Protein backbone atom coordinates (compact mmCIF):
# COMPACT_ATOMS: atom_id res chain seq x y z
CA MET A 1 -41.98 98.43 -9.52
CA ASN A 2 -42.59 95.66 -11.95
CA THR A 3 -39.99 95.71 -14.69
CA GLY A 4 -41.55 92.80 -16.48
CA LYS A 5 -38.60 90.49 -15.72
CA GLN A 6 -39.41 87.21 -14.04
CA ALA A 7 -37.26 86.09 -11.10
CA PRO A 8 -35.11 83.08 -11.95
CA VAL A 9 -36.28 79.69 -10.65
CA ILE A 10 -33.60 77.87 -8.66
CA ILE A 11 -33.86 74.06 -8.78
CA VAL A 12 -31.98 72.13 -6.10
CA ARG A 13 -31.32 68.47 -6.87
CA LYS A 14 -30.72 66.06 -4.05
CA VAL A 15 -28.36 63.29 -5.08
CA SER A 16 -28.93 60.17 -3.08
CA HIS A 17 -25.73 58.14 -2.61
CA GLY A 18 -26.52 54.42 -2.23
CA LYS A 19 -24.95 52.69 0.73
CA HIS A 20 -22.29 50.07 0.09
CA ALA A 21 -23.49 46.55 0.53
CA HIS A 22 -22.50 44.95 3.82
CA HIS A 23 -19.67 42.47 3.25
CA GLY A 24 -20.51 40.22 6.19
CA GLY A 25 -17.97 37.97 7.95
CA ALA A 26 -16.91 35.78 5.03
CA TRP A 27 -13.38 37.12 5.18
CA LYS A 28 -13.11 36.03 8.79
CA VAL A 29 -13.99 32.47 7.84
CA ALA A 30 -11.41 32.50 5.04
CA TYR A 31 -8.76 33.87 7.39
CA ALA A 32 -9.57 31.25 10.02
CA ASP A 33 -9.25 28.51 7.39
CA PHE A 34 -5.87 29.93 6.36
CA VAL A 35 -4.59 29.99 9.95
CA THR A 36 -5.83 26.43 10.53
CA ALA A 37 -4.12 25.24 7.35
CA MET A 38 -0.84 26.90 8.38
CA MET A 39 -1.03 25.34 11.83
CA ALA A 40 -1.61 21.89 10.28
CA PHE A 41 1.33 22.48 7.92
CA PHE A 42 3.70 23.33 10.76
CA MET A 43 2.47 20.33 12.76
CA VAL A 44 3.27 18.06 9.81
CA MET A 45 6.71 19.64 9.41
CA TRP A 46 7.35 19.12 13.12
CA LEU A 47 6.33 15.47 12.95
CA VAL A 48 8.52 14.83 9.89
CA ASN A 49 11.57 16.00 11.83
CA THR A 50 10.89 14.32 15.16
CA SER A 51 12.40 11.11 16.48
CA PRO A 52 10.80 7.71 15.81
CA GLN A 53 9.82 7.53 19.49
CA VAL A 54 7.79 10.74 19.27
CA LYS A 55 6.15 9.62 16.03
CA SER A 56 5.28 6.33 17.67
CA SER A 57 3.75 8.17 20.65
CA VAL A 58 1.65 10.40 18.41
CA ALA A 59 0.44 7.42 16.40
CA SER A 60 -0.38 5.59 19.60
CA TYR A 61 -2.54 8.46 20.79
CA PHE A 62 -4.90 7.96 17.84
CA ARG A 63 -4.92 4.19 18.35
CA GLU A 64 -5.37 4.33 22.13
CA PRO A 65 -6.24 7.86 23.30
CA GLY A 66 -7.07 6.58 26.77
CA VAL A 67 -3.37 6.05 27.42
CA PHE A 68 -2.95 9.84 27.40
CA GLU A 69 -5.79 10.67 29.77
CA THR A 70 -4.91 13.45 32.21
CA THR A 71 -6.56 15.20 35.08
CA SER A 72 -8.29 18.52 34.43
CA GLY A 73 -5.73 21.12 33.51
CA GLY A 74 -2.89 18.61 33.21
CA GLY A 75 -0.63 18.92 30.19
CA ALA A 76 0.92 16.04 28.23
CA MET A 77 4.31 16.10 26.56
CA LEU A 78 5.18 13.35 24.11
CA GLY A 79 8.46 11.70 23.49
CA ALA A 80 10.35 10.15 26.41
CA ALA A 81 12.03 6.91 25.39
CA ALA A 82 10.18 5.02 28.07
CA GLY A 83 6.91 6.57 26.96
CA ALA A 84 6.57 8.68 30.10
CA LEU A 85 4.16 11.57 29.75
CA ALA A 86 5.08 14.67 31.73
CA GLY A 87 2.29 16.26 33.69
CA THR A 88 -0.11 13.32 33.39
CA ALA A 89 -2.10 11.63 36.07
CA PRO A 90 -3.13 8.26 34.62
CA THR A 91 -6.28 6.60 35.81
CA PRO A 92 -5.84 3.59 38.12
CA GLY A 93 -6.66 1.18 35.27
CA ILE A 94 -4.03 2.67 32.96
CA ALA A 95 -1.45 2.83 35.72
CA ALA A 96 -2.05 -0.83 36.56
CA ALA A 97 -1.78 -1.86 32.89
CA ARG A 98 1.48 0.01 32.53
CA GLU A 99 2.84 -1.52 35.73
CA ALA A 100 1.99 -5.01 34.44
CA LEU A 101 3.95 -4.30 31.26
CA GLU A 102 6.89 -2.94 33.25
CA ARG A 103 6.97 -6.16 35.28
CA ALA A 104 6.78 -8.24 32.09
CA ALA A 105 9.68 -6.24 30.62
CA GLU A 106 11.79 -6.99 33.69
CA ARG A 107 10.95 -10.70 33.54
CA ILE A 108 11.89 -10.83 29.87
CA ARG A 109 15.23 -9.12 30.55
CA GLU A 110 16.01 -11.58 33.33
CA ALA A 111 14.99 -14.60 31.24
CA LEU A 112 17.09 -13.48 28.27
CA GLU A 113 20.18 -13.30 30.48
CA ASN A 114 20.05 -17.10 30.71
CA LEU A 115 20.44 -17.54 26.96
CA PRO A 116 23.84 -18.97 25.92
CA ALA A 117 24.17 -16.25 23.28
CA PHE A 118 23.08 -13.43 25.59
CA GLU A 119 26.44 -11.64 25.65
CA GLU A 120 26.42 -11.50 21.86
CA LEU A 121 22.78 -10.40 21.67
CA LYS A 122 22.32 -8.08 24.66
CA ASP A 123 23.25 -4.90 22.79
CA ARG A 124 20.83 -5.77 19.98
CA ILE A 125 17.70 -6.34 22.05
CA GLU A 126 15.81 -3.29 23.21
CA ILE A 127 12.88 -3.57 25.63
CA GLN A 128 10.87 -0.55 26.74
CA VAL A 129 7.36 0.43 27.72
CA THR A 130 6.09 3.18 25.45
CA ALA A 131 2.77 4.89 24.86
CA GLU A 132 1.76 2.07 22.51
CA GLY A 133 2.64 -0.69 24.96
CA LEU A 134 5.60 -2.96 25.66
CA ARG A 135 7.92 -2.75 22.65
CA ILE A 136 10.61 -5.39 22.12
CA GLU A 137 12.96 -4.80 19.19
CA LEU A 138 15.51 -7.22 17.76
CA LEU A 139 18.05 -5.05 15.95
CA ASP A 140 20.70 -5.89 13.41
CA ALA A 141 24.15 -4.37 13.87
CA GLY A 142 26.84 -4.32 11.24
CA ASP A 143 27.12 -7.84 9.86
CA GLN A 144 25.21 -9.32 12.82
CA SER A 145 21.64 -10.21 11.99
CA PHE A 146 18.79 -12.21 13.48
CA PHE A 147 18.06 -13.55 9.97
CA GLY A 148 19.99 -14.82 7.01
CA ILE A 149 21.34 -12.09 4.76
CA GLY A 150 18.55 -10.82 2.51
CA SER A 151 16.20 -13.58 3.62
CA ALA A 152 13.67 -14.60 6.29
CA ASP A 153 15.75 -17.62 7.34
CA VAL A 154 15.78 -17.50 11.14
CA ARG A 155 19.06 -18.04 12.96
CA PRO A 156 19.13 -20.47 15.94
CA GLU A 157 19.79 -17.67 18.45
CA THR A 158 16.76 -15.83 17.08
CA ILE A 159 14.54 -18.84 17.68
CA GLY A 160 15.77 -19.10 21.27
CA THR A 161 15.21 -15.39 21.86
CA LEU A 162 11.67 -15.43 20.49
CA LYS A 163 10.77 -18.52 22.54
CA VAL A 164 11.96 -16.87 25.76
CA ILE A 165 9.97 -13.74 24.96
CA THR A 166 6.87 -15.77 24.15
CA GLN A 167 7.01 -17.73 27.40
CA GLN A 168 6.99 -14.51 29.39
CA LEU A 169 4.16 -13.01 27.32
CA LEU A 170 1.95 -16.01 28.08
CA THR A 171 1.42 -14.55 31.57
CA LEU A 172 -0.33 -11.54 30.00
CA PRO A 173 -3.71 -11.33 28.23
CA ASN A 174 -2.62 -8.44 26.00
CA ARG A 175 -2.87 -8.52 22.23
CA VAL A 176 0.35 -8.56 20.23
CA ALA A 177 1.46 -6.97 16.96
CA ILE A 178 4.60 -8.00 15.07
CA GLU A 179 6.48 -5.63 12.78
CA GLY A 180 9.21 -6.16 10.22
CA HIS A 181 11.50 -3.31 9.14
CA THR A 182 14.40 -2.96 6.71
CA ASP A 183 16.97 -0.32 5.91
CA SER A 184 16.80 1.64 2.64
CA ARG A 185 19.24 -0.50 0.73
CA PRO A 186 17.38 -1.53 -2.44
CA TYR A 187 16.48 -5.20 -2.58
CA THR A 188 14.88 -6.17 -5.86
CA ALA A 189 16.24 -9.62 -6.64
CA GLY A 190 13.63 -11.54 -8.59
CA GLY A 191 10.97 -8.92 -7.90
CA TYR A 192 11.40 -9.45 -4.13
CA SER A 193 11.58 -6.04 -2.46
CA ASN A 194 12.06 -4.68 1.05
CA TRP A 195 8.30 -4.85 1.48
CA GLU A 196 8.27 -8.61 0.98
CA LEU A 197 11.42 -9.07 3.05
CA SER A 198 10.07 -7.17 6.07
CA SER A 199 6.73 -8.98 5.83
CA SER A 200 8.40 -12.38 5.54
CA ARG A 201 10.58 -11.74 8.60
CA ALA A 202 7.60 -10.59 10.67
CA ASN A 203 5.72 -13.69 9.60
CA ALA A 204 8.68 -15.93 10.44
CA ALA A 205 8.73 -14.44 13.94
CA ARG A 206 5.00 -15.08 14.23
CA ARG A 207 5.38 -18.76 13.36
CA ILE A 208 8.06 -19.26 16.00
CA MET A 209 6.03 -17.47 18.67
CA GLU A 210 2.90 -19.46 17.89
CA GLU A 211 4.90 -22.70 17.98
CA ALA A 212 6.15 -21.57 21.39
CA GLY A 213 2.57 -21.31 22.62
CA LEU A 214 1.31 -17.82 21.74
CA PRO A 215 -2.42 -18.21 20.88
CA SER A 216 -3.14 -17.01 17.35
CA ALA A 217 -6.19 -15.17 18.71
CA ARG A 218 -3.86 -12.81 20.54
CA LEU A 219 -2.21 -11.65 17.34
CA GLU A 220 -3.55 -8.19 16.59
CA ALA A 221 -1.59 -7.39 13.44
CA LEU A 222 1.34 -8.41 11.27
CA HIS A 223 3.10 -5.50 9.56
CA GLY A 224 5.80 -5.38 6.91
CA PHE A 225 6.90 -1.74 6.83
CA GLY A 226 9.90 -2.06 4.52
CA ASP A 227 11.96 1.10 5.03
CA ALA A 228 8.91 3.33 5.55
CA ARG A 229 9.60 3.68 9.29
CA LEU A 230 13.33 3.98 9.65
CA ARG A 231 14.65 3.94 13.19
CA TYR A 232 17.43 6.28 12.09
CA PRO A 233 16.03 8.45 9.27
CA ASP A 234 19.29 10.42 9.00
CA ALA A 235 21.18 7.18 8.35
CA PRO A 236 18.87 5.16 6.08
CA LEU A 237 21.51 2.48 5.42
CA ASP A 238 22.31 1.95 9.10
CA ALA A 239 22.00 -1.75 9.90
CA ARG A 240 19.97 -0.97 13.03
CA ASN A 241 17.09 0.06 10.80
CA ARG A 242 16.75 -3.66 10.05
CA ARG A 243 14.70 -5.04 12.89
CA VAL A 244 11.72 -7.04 14.03
CA ALA A 245 9.52 -5.50 16.70
CA ILE A 246 7.05 -7.23 19.00
CA VAL A 247 4.51 -4.79 20.43
CA VAL A 248 2.38 -5.85 23.38
CA ARG A 249 -0.58 -3.47 23.49
CA HIS A 250 -1.88 -1.75 26.59
CA GLY A 251 -4.97 -3.47 27.98
CA SER A 252 -6.26 -6.88 26.96
């Protein structure tokens, strides 16, 4: 029976929820950058606290990466005082170059023993083959120095030592670098700092070696490091930080 009332109309609304935009992988890139930065940070912190020998080996890798060549799967460990690399299998050319430097080191040691002042100097001359090459260091000790106090005046025994070293190096074709280093004791007399002092001493050593026959064309570099590369960072005033180093590079 029709009562005259109209049935209610029911309206159903469908609400469409939009999908969230896809974020992509940008966060992964940011995270990877963060991890890389942290790894670099810890590597720097490790290097800051390592010995001078390890720092020298790491620096040498970037100068002469071929020295660190290994066979497939071989691992390299930096740091031995003699520059030995654990787990490496050097190529014949590298092995031969290292052997030549080892022989030169032995000849230099034997020749220095004939110096009249050898007994006084023997504990202040260090000769070793490292990753960067044959490294010969003339170290100060206490009040004993290869140069005049605070100057680049070369002592007679220093001249004799450098001449002996030069004569033995003439049998090699390798290029040579000479370094001067000081301790951290401030030296500012007349505007003359540790930078100038270390450079002047390295240059004085160069002059003597060239006068002894070292061809100037074999000189690769002359460095005055001041106290930027202390041998004993924990004892910056230690006299042994004052030194001149002669570095005979691997190869010719």
